[in-house]
N, C-alpha and C. Protein backbone atom coordinates (compact mmCIF):
# COMPACT_ATOMS: atom_id res chain seq x y z
N MET A 1 158.59 55.77 -175.19
CA MET A 1 159.57 56.74 -175.82
C MET A 1 160.34 55.88 -176.94
N ALA A 2 160.61 56.25 -178.01
CA ALA A 2 161.15 55.56 -179.08
C ALA A 2 162.61 55.36 -178.79
N THR A 3 163.15 54.40 -179.21
CA THR A 3 164.64 54.27 -179.10
C THR A 3 165.02 53.78 -180.26
N GLU A 4 166.49 53.39 -180.42
CA GLU A 4 167.05 52.86 -181.87
C GLU A 4 166.40 51.67 -182.35
N SER A 5 166.04 51.00 -180.96
CA SER A 5 165.47 49.54 -181.49
C SER A 5 163.93 49.70 -182.04
N THR A 6 163.48 50.88 -181.62
CA THR A 6 162.01 51.23 -182.15
C THR A 6 161.66 51.99 -183.53
N ALA A 7 162.79 52.51 -183.79
CA ALA A 7 162.72 53.64 -184.78
C ALA A 7 162.41 52.81 -186.12
N GLY A 8 161.33 53.66 -186.75
CA GLY A 8 161.01 53.02 -187.92
C GLY A 8 159.71 51.87 -187.80
N LEU A 9 159.52 51.70 -186.51
CA LEU A 9 158.36 50.79 -186.45
C LEU A 9 157.12 51.59 -186.19
N ALA A 10 155.93 51.15 -186.60
CA ALA A 10 154.72 51.56 -186.40
C ALA A 10 153.60 50.45 -186.21
N LEU A 11 152.70 50.91 -185.43
CA LEU A 11 151.36 50.29 -185.22
C LEU A 11 150.17 50.48 -186.17
N VAL A 12 149.93 49.61 -187.16
CA VAL A 12 148.90 49.82 -187.92
C VAL A 12 147.71 49.14 -187.41
N SER A 13 146.48 49.75 -187.25
CA SER A 13 145.09 49.29 -186.82
C SER A 13 144.01 49.92 -187.62
N THR A 14 143.25 48.96 -187.81
CA THR A 14 142.17 49.06 -188.70
C THR A 14 140.89 48.55 -188.07
N PHE A 15 139.64 49.04 -188.19
CA PHE A 15 138.41 48.43 -187.61
C PHE A 15 137.45 48.90 -188.69
N CYS A 16 136.62 47.89 -189.26
CA CYS A 16 135.72 48.23 -190.20
C CYS A 16 134.59 47.23 -190.46
N PRO A 17 133.51 47.10 -191.26
CA PRO A 17 132.77 45.88 -191.54
C PRO A 17 133.64 44.93 -191.94
N ASP A 18 133.34 43.76 -191.54
CA ASP A 18 133.82 42.29 -192.20
C ASP A 18 133.74 42.11 -193.36
N ARG A 19 134.34 41.80 -194.10
CA ARG A 19 134.16 41.34 -195.72
C ARG A 19 135.60 40.58 -196.29
N VAL A 20 135.17 39.60 -197.28
CA VAL A 20 136.25 38.82 -197.74
C VAL A 20 137.25 39.73 -198.53
N GLY A 21 138.59 39.33 -198.48
CA GLY A 21 139.38 40.28 -199.00
C GLY A 21 140.24 41.27 -198.06
N LEU A 22 139.50 41.43 -196.86
CA LEU A 22 140.07 42.41 -195.97
C LEU A 22 141.66 42.26 -195.77
N VAL A 23 142.14 40.93 -195.16
CA VAL A 23 143.45 40.71 -194.92
C VAL A 23 144.30 40.89 -195.87
N SER A 24 143.98 39.98 -197.00
CA SER A 24 144.85 40.37 -198.43
C SER A 24 144.65 41.78 -198.74
N GLY A 25 143.87 42.60 -198.77
CA GLY A 25 144.02 43.86 -199.27
C GLY A 25 145.00 44.93 -198.36
N ILE A 26 144.76 44.70 -197.13
CA ILE A 26 145.68 45.30 -196.40
C ILE A 26 146.97 45.08 -196.39
N THR A 27 147.28 43.71 -196.21
CA THR A 27 148.85 43.14 -196.36
C THR A 27 149.55 43.30 -197.70
N SER A 28 148.96 43.30 -198.69
CA SER A 28 149.30 43.35 -200.08
C SER A 28 149.57 44.93 -200.01
N HIS A 29 148.92 45.66 -199.73
CA HIS A 29 149.35 47.21 -199.80
C HIS A 29 150.51 47.53 -199.11
N LEU A 30 150.55 46.90 -197.97
CA LEU A 30 151.61 47.03 -196.98
C LEU A 30 152.97 46.66 -197.68
N PHE A 31 152.89 45.46 -198.22
CA PHE A 31 153.86 44.79 -198.92
C PHE A 31 154.35 45.76 -199.89
N GLU A 32 153.54 46.35 -200.80
CA GLU A 32 153.83 47.09 -202.03
C GLU A 32 154.68 48.37 -201.69
N GLN A 33 154.38 48.69 -200.34
CA GLN A 33 154.99 50.12 -199.90
C GLN A 33 156.30 49.44 -199.10
N GLY A 34 156.47 48.47 -199.31
CA GLY A 34 157.95 47.95 -198.83
C GLY A 34 157.90 47.80 -197.20
N ILE A 35 156.76 47.65 -196.78
CA ILE A 35 156.61 47.42 -195.22
C ILE A 35 156.52 45.97 -194.70
N ASN A 36 157.27 45.45 -193.80
CA ASN A 36 157.40 44.20 -193.42
C ASN A 36 156.53 44.10 -191.97
N LEU A 37 155.66 43.00 -192.07
CA LEU A 37 154.90 42.87 -190.90
C LEU A 37 155.81 42.22 -189.77
N ARG A 38 155.53 42.38 -188.50
CA ARG A 38 156.06 41.78 -187.49
C ARG A 38 154.87 41.20 -186.70
N ASP A 39 154.69 41.22 -185.45
CA ASP A 39 153.45 40.67 -184.93
C ASP A 39 152.28 41.17 -185.33
N ALA A 40 151.17 40.32 -185.81
CA ALA A 40 150.04 40.81 -186.50
C ALA A 40 148.68 40.09 -185.93
N THR A 41 147.48 40.67 -185.81
CA THR A 41 146.32 39.83 -185.52
C THR A 41 145.30 40.34 -186.15
N PHE A 42 144.11 39.47 -186.43
CA PHE A 42 143.01 39.93 -186.92
C PHE A 42 141.95 39.04 -186.43
N ALA A 43 140.96 39.78 -186.26
CA ALA A 43 139.66 39.48 -185.62
C ALA A 43 138.22 39.59 -186.08
N SER A 44 137.45 38.77 -186.39
CA SER A 44 135.85 39.23 -186.89
C SER A 44 135.14 39.56 -185.22
N LEU A 45 134.79 40.82 -185.07
CA LEU A 45 133.92 41.15 -183.80
C LEU A 45 132.57 41.42 -184.07
N GLY A 46 131.76 40.48 -184.07
CA GLY A 46 130.20 40.69 -184.34
C GLY A 46 130.49 40.70 -186.12
N SER A 47 129.83 41.85 -186.81
CA SER A 47 129.72 41.92 -188.19
C SER A 47 130.95 43.07 -188.44
N GLY A 48 131.84 43.39 -187.56
CA GLY A 48 132.93 43.90 -187.74
C GLY A 48 134.39 43.40 -187.90
N ALA A 49 135.41 43.83 -188.08
CA ALA A 49 136.58 43.09 -188.14
C ALA A 49 137.74 43.98 -187.69
N GLU A 50 138.84 43.77 -186.88
CA GLU A 50 140.18 44.38 -186.36
C GLU A 50 141.24 43.82 -186.90
N PHE A 51 141.94 44.49 -187.41
CA PHE A 51 143.31 43.98 -187.99
C PHE A 51 144.39 44.96 -187.31
N SER A 52 145.50 44.38 -186.65
CA SER A 52 146.44 45.42 -186.04
C SER A 52 147.82 44.59 -186.19
N ALA A 53 148.85 45.39 -186.61
CA ALA A 53 150.08 44.76 -186.72
C ALA A 53 151.34 45.82 -186.57
N VAL A 54 152.33 45.19 -185.82
CA VAL A 54 153.32 45.97 -185.68
C VAL A 54 154.32 45.90 -187.11
N CYS A 55 154.55 47.05 -187.80
CA CYS A 55 155.19 47.16 -189.10
C CYS A 55 156.52 48.01 -188.96
N GLU A 56 157.46 47.41 -189.71
CA GLU A 56 158.78 48.00 -190.00
C GLU A 56 158.58 48.74 -191.23
N LEU A 57 158.66 50.13 -191.07
CA LEU A 57 158.36 50.84 -192.17
C LEU A 57 160.04 51.38 -192.99
N PRO A 58 159.81 51.37 -194.26
CA PRO A 58 161.30 51.91 -194.83
C PRO A 58 161.71 53.28 -194.67
N ASP A 59 162.90 53.35 -194.41
CA ASP A 59 163.30 54.79 -194.03
C ASP A 59 162.76 56.20 -194.69
N ASN A 60 162.05 55.85 -196.02
CA ASN A 60 161.25 56.76 -196.95
C ASN A 60 159.90 57.17 -196.59
N LEU A 61 159.51 56.33 -195.55
CA LEU A 61 158.05 56.45 -195.34
C LEU A 61 157.66 56.87 -194.11
N THR A 62 156.72 57.67 -194.01
CA THR A 62 156.30 58.26 -192.63
C THR A 62 154.92 57.49 -192.31
N VAL A 63 154.63 57.59 -190.85
CA VAL A 63 153.48 57.16 -190.22
C VAL A 63 152.09 57.92 -191.04
N ALA A 64 152.37 59.03 -191.16
CA ALA A 64 151.08 59.85 -191.87
C ALA A 64 150.99 59.17 -193.22
N GLU A 65 152.11 59.22 -194.17
CA GLU A 65 151.87 58.61 -195.51
C GLU A 65 151.19 57.32 -195.56
N VAL A 66 151.63 56.16 -194.18
CA VAL A 66 151.08 55.02 -194.36
C VAL A 66 149.51 55.13 -194.03
N GLN A 67 149.18 56.09 -192.93
CA GLN A 67 147.51 56.09 -192.67
C GLN A 67 146.84 56.72 -194.14
N ALA A 68 147.32 57.63 -194.76
CA ALA A 68 146.57 58.17 -195.64
C ALA A 68 146.70 57.06 -196.78
N SER A 69 147.55 56.27 -197.11
CA SER A 69 147.44 55.48 -198.04
C SER A 69 146.37 54.39 -197.82
N LEU A 70 146.61 53.81 -196.76
CA LEU A 70 145.60 52.88 -196.24
C LEU A 70 143.93 53.36 -196.30
N SER A 71 144.11 54.58 -195.60
CA SER A 71 142.50 55.13 -195.95
C SER A 71 141.97 55.15 -197.20
N SER A 72 142.78 55.40 -198.16
CA SER A 72 142.15 55.53 -199.54
C SER A 72 141.88 54.18 -200.11
N LEU A 73 142.37 53.21 -199.59
CA LEU A 73 142.08 51.78 -199.94
C LEU A 73 140.39 51.42 -200.16
N PRO A 74 140.14 50.91 -201.16
CA PRO A 74 138.64 50.82 -201.48
C PRO A 74 138.10 49.50 -200.36
N VAL A 75 139.11 48.70 -199.92
CA VAL A 75 138.73 47.55 -199.05
C VAL A 75 138.44 48.16 -197.74
N LEU A 76 138.75 49.12 -197.40
CA LEU A 76 138.92 50.01 -196.31
C LEU A 76 138.06 51.38 -196.28
N ALA A 77 137.03 51.06 -197.04
CA ALA A 77 136.12 52.28 -197.16
C ALA A 77 135.06 52.23 -196.03
N GLY A 78 135.11 53.42 -195.29
CA GLY A 78 134.32 53.55 -194.07
C GLY A 78 135.08 52.90 -192.75
N ALA A 79 136.28 52.75 -192.92
CA ALA A 79 137.04 52.15 -191.85
C ALA A 79 137.55 53.12 -191.06
N GLU A 80 137.93 52.86 -189.70
CA GLU A 80 138.94 53.66 -188.63
C GLU A 80 140.13 52.77 -189.13
N VAL A 81 141.12 54.01 -189.41
CA VAL A 81 142.36 53.55 -189.82
C VAL A 81 143.48 54.49 -188.77
N LYS A 82 144.11 53.88 -188.03
CA LYS A 82 145.06 54.54 -187.24
C LYS A 82 146.57 53.99 -187.25
N VAL A 83 147.52 54.76 -187.70
CA VAL A 83 148.90 54.29 -187.92
C VAL A 83 149.51 55.25 -186.91
N SER A 84 150.41 54.84 -185.98
CA SER A 84 151.10 55.47 -184.85
C SER A 84 152.70 54.85 -184.75
N PRO A 85 153.38 55.55 -184.29
CA PRO A 85 154.63 55.01 -184.01
C PRO A 85 154.56 54.02 -182.83
N PHE A 86 155.44 52.85 -183.01
CA PHE A 86 155.18 51.87 -181.99
C PHE A 86 156.50 52.01 -181.05
N ALA A 87 156.40 52.17 -179.88
CA ALA A 87 157.38 52.58 -178.83
C ALA A 87 157.92 51.35 -177.93
N PHE A 88 157.25 50.40 -178.08
CA PHE A 88 157.68 48.95 -177.42
C PHE A 88 158.45 48.42 -178.00
N ASP A 89 159.33 47.58 -177.28
CA ASP A 89 160.26 46.60 -177.81
C ASP A 89 159.62 45.56 -178.73
N PRO A 90 159.88 45.31 -179.99
CA PRO A 90 159.16 44.60 -180.73
C PRO A 90 159.64 43.06 -180.51
N GLN A 91 160.73 42.78 -179.80
CA GLN A 91 160.89 41.30 -179.25
C GLN A 91 160.09 40.98 -178.14
N PRO A 92 159.17 40.07 -178.46
CA PRO A 92 158.23 39.56 -177.37
C PRO A 92 159.27 39.16 -176.09
N GLY A 93 158.89 39.43 -174.83
CA GLY A 93 159.69 38.73 -173.84
C GLY A 93 159.16 37.35 -173.20
N PRO A 94 159.83 36.96 -172.47
CA PRO A 94 159.53 35.39 -171.85
C PRO A 94 157.99 35.20 -171.51
N GLN A 95 157.27 36.24 -171.11
CA GLN A 95 155.94 36.05 -170.76
C GLN A 95 154.86 36.17 -171.80
N ALA A 96 155.54 36.07 -173.08
CA ALA A 96 154.67 36.22 -174.15
C ALA A 96 154.68 34.81 -174.77
N LEU A 97 155.68 33.70 -174.13
CA LEU A 97 155.75 32.29 -174.64
C LEU A 97 154.54 31.58 -174.39
N ILE A 98 153.80 31.07 -175.33
CA ILE A 98 152.53 30.49 -174.88
C ILE A 98 152.71 29.09 -174.40
N THR A 99 152.52 28.71 -173.12
CA THR A 99 152.71 27.40 -172.68
C THR A 99 151.62 26.52 -172.70
N HIS A 100 150.27 27.25 -172.51
CA HIS A 100 148.96 26.33 -172.54
C HIS A 100 147.92 27.12 -173.42
N ARG A 101 147.02 26.36 -173.95
CA ARG A 101 145.99 27.06 -174.44
C ARG A 101 144.69 26.39 -173.53
N VAL A 102 143.59 27.19 -173.24
CA VAL A 102 142.68 26.83 -172.43
C VAL A 102 141.15 27.23 -173.20
N GLU A 103 140.31 26.41 -173.18
CA GLU A 103 139.08 26.64 -173.76
C GLU A 103 137.85 26.27 -172.70
N VAL A 104 137.11 27.20 -172.31
CA VAL A 104 136.03 26.91 -171.47
C VAL A 104 135.03 27.29 -172.43
N SER A 105 133.65 26.69 -172.19
CA SER A 105 132.61 26.74 -173.13
C SER A 105 131.29 26.28 -172.44
N GLY A 106 130.08 26.83 -172.70
CA GLY A 106 129.01 26.63 -172.09
C GLY A 106 128.08 28.05 -172.32
N GLY A 107 127.37 27.96 -171.46
CA GLY A 107 126.37 29.42 -171.48
C GLY A 107 127.18 30.57 -170.93
N ASP A 108 126.73 31.59 -171.62
CA ASP A 108 127.24 33.04 -171.17
C ASP A 108 127.13 33.29 -169.86
N GLN A 109 127.80 33.73 -169.18
CA GLN A 109 127.62 34.45 -167.95
C GLN A 109 128.23 35.83 -167.52
N PRO A 110 127.59 36.69 -166.97
CA PRO A 110 128.22 38.09 -166.73
C PRO A 110 129.40 38.01 -165.78
N GLY A 111 130.66 38.55 -166.24
CA GLY A 111 131.72 38.40 -165.43
C GLY A 111 132.69 37.40 -165.58
N LEU A 112 132.23 36.42 -166.48
CA LEU A 112 132.94 35.15 -166.68
C LEU A 112 134.48 35.47 -167.01
N VAL A 113 134.64 36.29 -167.98
CA VAL A 113 136.04 36.74 -168.39
C VAL A 113 136.93 37.38 -167.25
N ALA A 114 136.29 38.10 -166.73
CA ALA A 114 137.02 38.56 -165.40
C ALA A 114 137.46 37.77 -164.50
N ARG A 115 136.27 36.72 -164.09
CA ARG A 115 136.42 35.98 -163.20
C ARG A 115 137.77 34.71 -163.47
N LEU A 116 137.74 34.46 -164.83
CA LEU A 116 138.71 33.31 -165.25
C LEU A 116 140.22 34.01 -165.27
N SER A 117 140.07 35.36 -165.66
CA SER A 117 141.29 36.19 -166.03
C SER A 117 141.96 36.23 -164.57
N GLU A 118 141.19 36.67 -163.70
CA GLU A 118 141.83 36.71 -161.98
C GLU A 118 142.55 35.72 -161.70
N ILE A 119 142.27 34.47 -162.15
CA ILE A 119 142.60 32.95 -161.74
C ILE A 119 143.93 33.05 -162.12
N PHE A 120 144.15 33.18 -163.59
CA PHE A 120 145.51 33.24 -164.32
C PHE A 120 146.36 34.35 -163.47
N THR A 121 145.87 35.45 -163.24
CA THR A 121 146.65 36.54 -162.41
C THR A 121 147.10 35.94 -161.24
N GLN A 122 146.30 35.50 -160.39
CA GLN A 122 146.68 34.64 -159.05
C GLN A 122 148.01 33.92 -158.96
N PHE A 123 148.08 33.07 -160.11
CA PHE A 123 149.20 32.11 -160.34
C PHE A 123 150.29 32.84 -161.37
N ASP A 124 150.31 34.12 -161.61
CA ASP A 124 151.08 34.37 -162.25
C ASP A 124 151.58 34.38 -163.87
N ALA A 125 150.34 34.03 -164.17
CA ALA A 125 150.35 33.49 -165.77
C ALA A 125 149.75 34.81 -166.55
N ASN A 126 150.33 34.88 -167.70
CA ASN A 126 150.02 36.10 -168.69
C ASN A 126 149.13 35.45 -169.47
N ILE A 127 148.20 36.19 -169.91
CA ILE A 127 147.25 36.01 -171.08
C ILE A 127 147.93 36.51 -172.36
N VAL A 128 148.37 35.84 -173.33
CA VAL A 128 149.08 36.05 -174.34
C VAL A 128 148.25 36.49 -175.38
N ARG A 129 146.96 35.98 -175.51
CA ARG A 129 145.69 36.09 -176.47
C ARG A 129 144.30 35.47 -176.10
N LEU A 130 143.46 36.31 -176.18
CA LEU A 130 141.88 35.79 -175.48
C LEU A 130 141.11 36.14 -176.84
N ASP A 131 140.35 34.75 -177.02
CA ASP A 131 139.27 34.73 -178.14
C ASP A 131 137.90 34.45 -177.41
N ALA A 132 136.94 35.16 -177.53
CA ALA A 132 135.77 35.15 -176.77
C ALA A 132 134.53 35.06 -178.11
N GLN A 133 133.95 34.02 -178.29
CA GLN A 133 132.79 34.09 -179.21
C GLN A 133 131.29 33.38 -178.80
N THR A 134 130.35 33.78 -179.24
CA THR A 134 129.17 33.20 -179.06
C THR A 134 128.98 32.47 -180.32
N LEU A 135 128.53 31.23 -180.45
CA LEU A 135 128.26 30.36 -181.35
C LEU A 135 127.02 29.62 -181.42
N PRO A 136 126.62 29.40 -182.51
CA PRO A 136 125.15 28.78 -182.53
C PRO A 136 125.34 27.25 -182.07
N ASP A 137 124.19 26.82 -181.47
CA ASP A 137 124.30 25.29 -180.77
C ASP A 137 122.91 24.84 -180.97
N ARG A 138 122.89 23.32 -180.94
CA ARG A 138 121.55 22.71 -181.17
C ARG A 138 120.58 23.36 -179.86
N ALA A 139 121.09 23.60 -178.73
CA ALA A 139 120.40 24.16 -177.68
C ALA A 139 120.25 25.80 -177.45
N GLY A 140 120.63 26.60 -178.65
CA GLY A 140 120.59 27.92 -178.80
C GLY A 140 121.84 28.22 -179.13
N GLU A 141 122.65 28.83 -177.86
CA GLU A 141 123.91 29.38 -178.28
C GLU A 141 124.98 28.83 -177.14
N ARG A 142 126.27 29.00 -177.60
CA ARG A 142 127.23 28.32 -176.86
C ARG A 142 128.42 29.59 -176.95
N TYR A 143 128.78 29.86 -175.56
CA TYR A 143 129.73 30.92 -175.37
C TYR A 143 130.94 30.20 -175.51
N VAL A 144 132.24 30.38 -175.95
CA VAL A 144 133.33 29.70 -176.09
C VAL A 144 134.56 30.82 -175.80
N LEU A 145 135.37 30.60 -174.69
CA LEU A 145 136.42 31.58 -174.45
C LEU A 145 137.75 30.50 -174.57
N ARG A 146 138.75 31.22 -175.51
CA ARG A 146 139.93 30.56 -175.71
C ARG A 146 141.13 31.45 -175.26
N PHE A 147 141.90 30.98 -174.20
CA PHE A 147 143.05 31.69 -173.85
C PHE A 147 144.24 30.95 -174.38
N SER A 148 145.03 31.76 -174.72
CA SER A 148 146.55 31.26 -175.05
C SER A 148 147.36 32.06 -173.77
N VAL A 149 147.88 31.01 -172.95
CA VAL A 149 148.52 31.77 -171.73
C VAL A 149 150.08 31.17 -171.44
N SER A 150 151.03 32.00 -170.86
CA SER A 150 152.22 31.65 -170.45
C SER A 150 152.24 31.44 -168.89
N ILE A 151 152.14 30.28 -168.41
CA ILE A 151 152.09 29.94 -167.15
C ILE A 151 153.28 29.57 -166.42
N PRO A 152 153.83 29.91 -165.44
CA PRO A 152 155.27 29.51 -164.74
C PRO A 152 155.15 27.95 -164.66
N ALA A 153 156.13 27.14 -164.96
CA ALA A 153 155.90 25.74 -165.11
C ALA A 153 155.59 25.11 -163.54
N GLU A 154 156.03 25.89 -162.45
CA GLU A 154 156.08 25.30 -161.22
C GLU A 154 154.61 25.65 -160.63
N ARG A 155 153.71 26.65 -161.26
CA ARG A 155 152.40 26.98 -160.81
C ARG A 155 151.49 26.29 -161.84
N ALA A 156 151.75 25.70 -162.99
CA ALA A 156 150.82 25.49 -164.07
C ALA A 156 149.57 24.38 -163.67
N GLU A 157 150.22 23.54 -162.92
CA GLU A 157 149.16 22.30 -162.53
C GLU A 157 148.20 22.95 -161.84
N ILE A 158 148.52 23.49 -160.75
CA ILE A 158 147.56 24.25 -159.58
C ILE A 158 146.63 25.46 -160.34
N CYS A 159 147.29 25.88 -161.27
CA CYS A 159 146.74 27.06 -162.00
C CYS A 159 145.47 26.54 -162.95
N LEU A 160 145.72 25.58 -163.82
CA LEU A 160 144.93 24.97 -164.68
C LEU A 160 143.75 24.14 -163.75
N SER A 161 144.13 23.46 -162.70
CA SER A 161 143.32 22.84 -161.81
C SER A 161 142.14 24.01 -161.19
N ALA A 162 142.43 25.08 -161.12
CA ALA A 162 141.66 26.15 -160.43
C ALA A 162 140.59 26.66 -161.34
N VAL A 163 141.26 26.84 -162.61
CA VAL A 163 140.38 27.23 -163.91
C VAL A 163 139.25 26.13 -164.00
N ALA A 164 139.49 24.81 -164.28
CA ALA A 164 138.90 23.80 -164.41
C ALA A 164 137.71 23.72 -163.20
N ASN A 165 138.13 23.85 -162.05
CA ASN A 165 137.34 23.95 -160.73
C ASN A 165 136.34 24.78 -161.21
N THR A 166 136.63 26.00 -161.43
CA THR A 166 135.77 27.07 -161.28
C THR A 166 134.77 27.07 -162.50
N ALA A 167 135.17 26.45 -163.61
CA ALA A 167 134.42 25.97 -164.91
C ALA A 167 133.20 25.06 -164.59
N GLU A 168 133.69 24.25 -164.00
CA GLU A 168 133.10 23.04 -163.30
C GLU A 168 131.66 23.57 -162.52
N THR A 169 132.20 24.52 -161.51
CA THR A 169 131.35 25.17 -160.59
C THR A 169 130.27 25.83 -161.15
N LEU A 170 130.82 26.52 -162.39
CA LEU A 170 129.68 27.28 -163.26
C LEU A 170 128.97 26.67 -164.22
N GLY A 171 129.02 25.09 -164.22
CA GLY A 171 128.41 24.53 -165.45
C GLY A 171 129.03 24.45 -166.47
N LEU A 172 130.24 24.99 -166.68
CA LEU A 172 130.81 24.85 -168.00
C LEU A 172 131.73 23.71 -168.20
N THR A 173 132.31 23.69 -169.43
CA THR A 173 133.32 22.56 -169.71
C THR A 173 134.56 23.38 -170.06
N CYS A 174 135.59 22.55 -169.60
CA CYS A 174 137.13 23.09 -169.84
C CYS A 174 138.04 22.19 -170.41
N ARG A 175 138.89 22.32 -171.27
CA ARG A 175 139.84 21.68 -172.06
C ARG A 175 140.87 22.32 -171.93
N THR A 176 142.13 21.78 -171.85
CA THR A 176 143.49 22.46 -171.61
C THR A 176 144.60 21.69 -172.50
N GLU A 177 145.54 22.27 -172.95
CA GLU A 177 146.35 21.63 -173.64
C GLU A 177 147.74 22.48 -173.51
N ALA A 178 148.73 21.65 -173.12
CA ALA A 178 150.14 22.12 -172.76
C ALA A 178 150.80 21.99 -174.30
N LEU A 179 151.62 22.95 -174.59
CA LEU A 179 152.27 23.29 -175.65
C LEU A 179 153.77 23.15 -175.60
């Protein structure tokens, strides 16, 4: 439900074939309309690309107008474009503060993301960002998972040990970084 703090906020989401100039085309257009970006993400997904952003709309601009104008951009030809009111608090809470980065890599295994994310849940760790990629390697392909997580300080050491032990059991490598 929209509140005074969420009035004028919109979630802009696009999905389309990946191409050079996509981010600059979208963000330049939003800027030209007087829209300010808050939290934003971009990712290549296979040969597609996804852009999402929480945006502050000027008072004279509606969600429908933003969606129509984005849909008409040549850089977004053939894209799925969705603009909707953003009803959540735009200020991230404490569980969005990234305390650690964790990278697990090796051969892809069904259920790997589920297995590792369950470990984070067991230790009250919040996954703030997740990136998974299949990369070319000398031996064929290498699957890389990158988690940016918020782990309570008193549980960090045991949580990271559990992730590393699970990775080792599965024949994967694990690197962690405290921030």
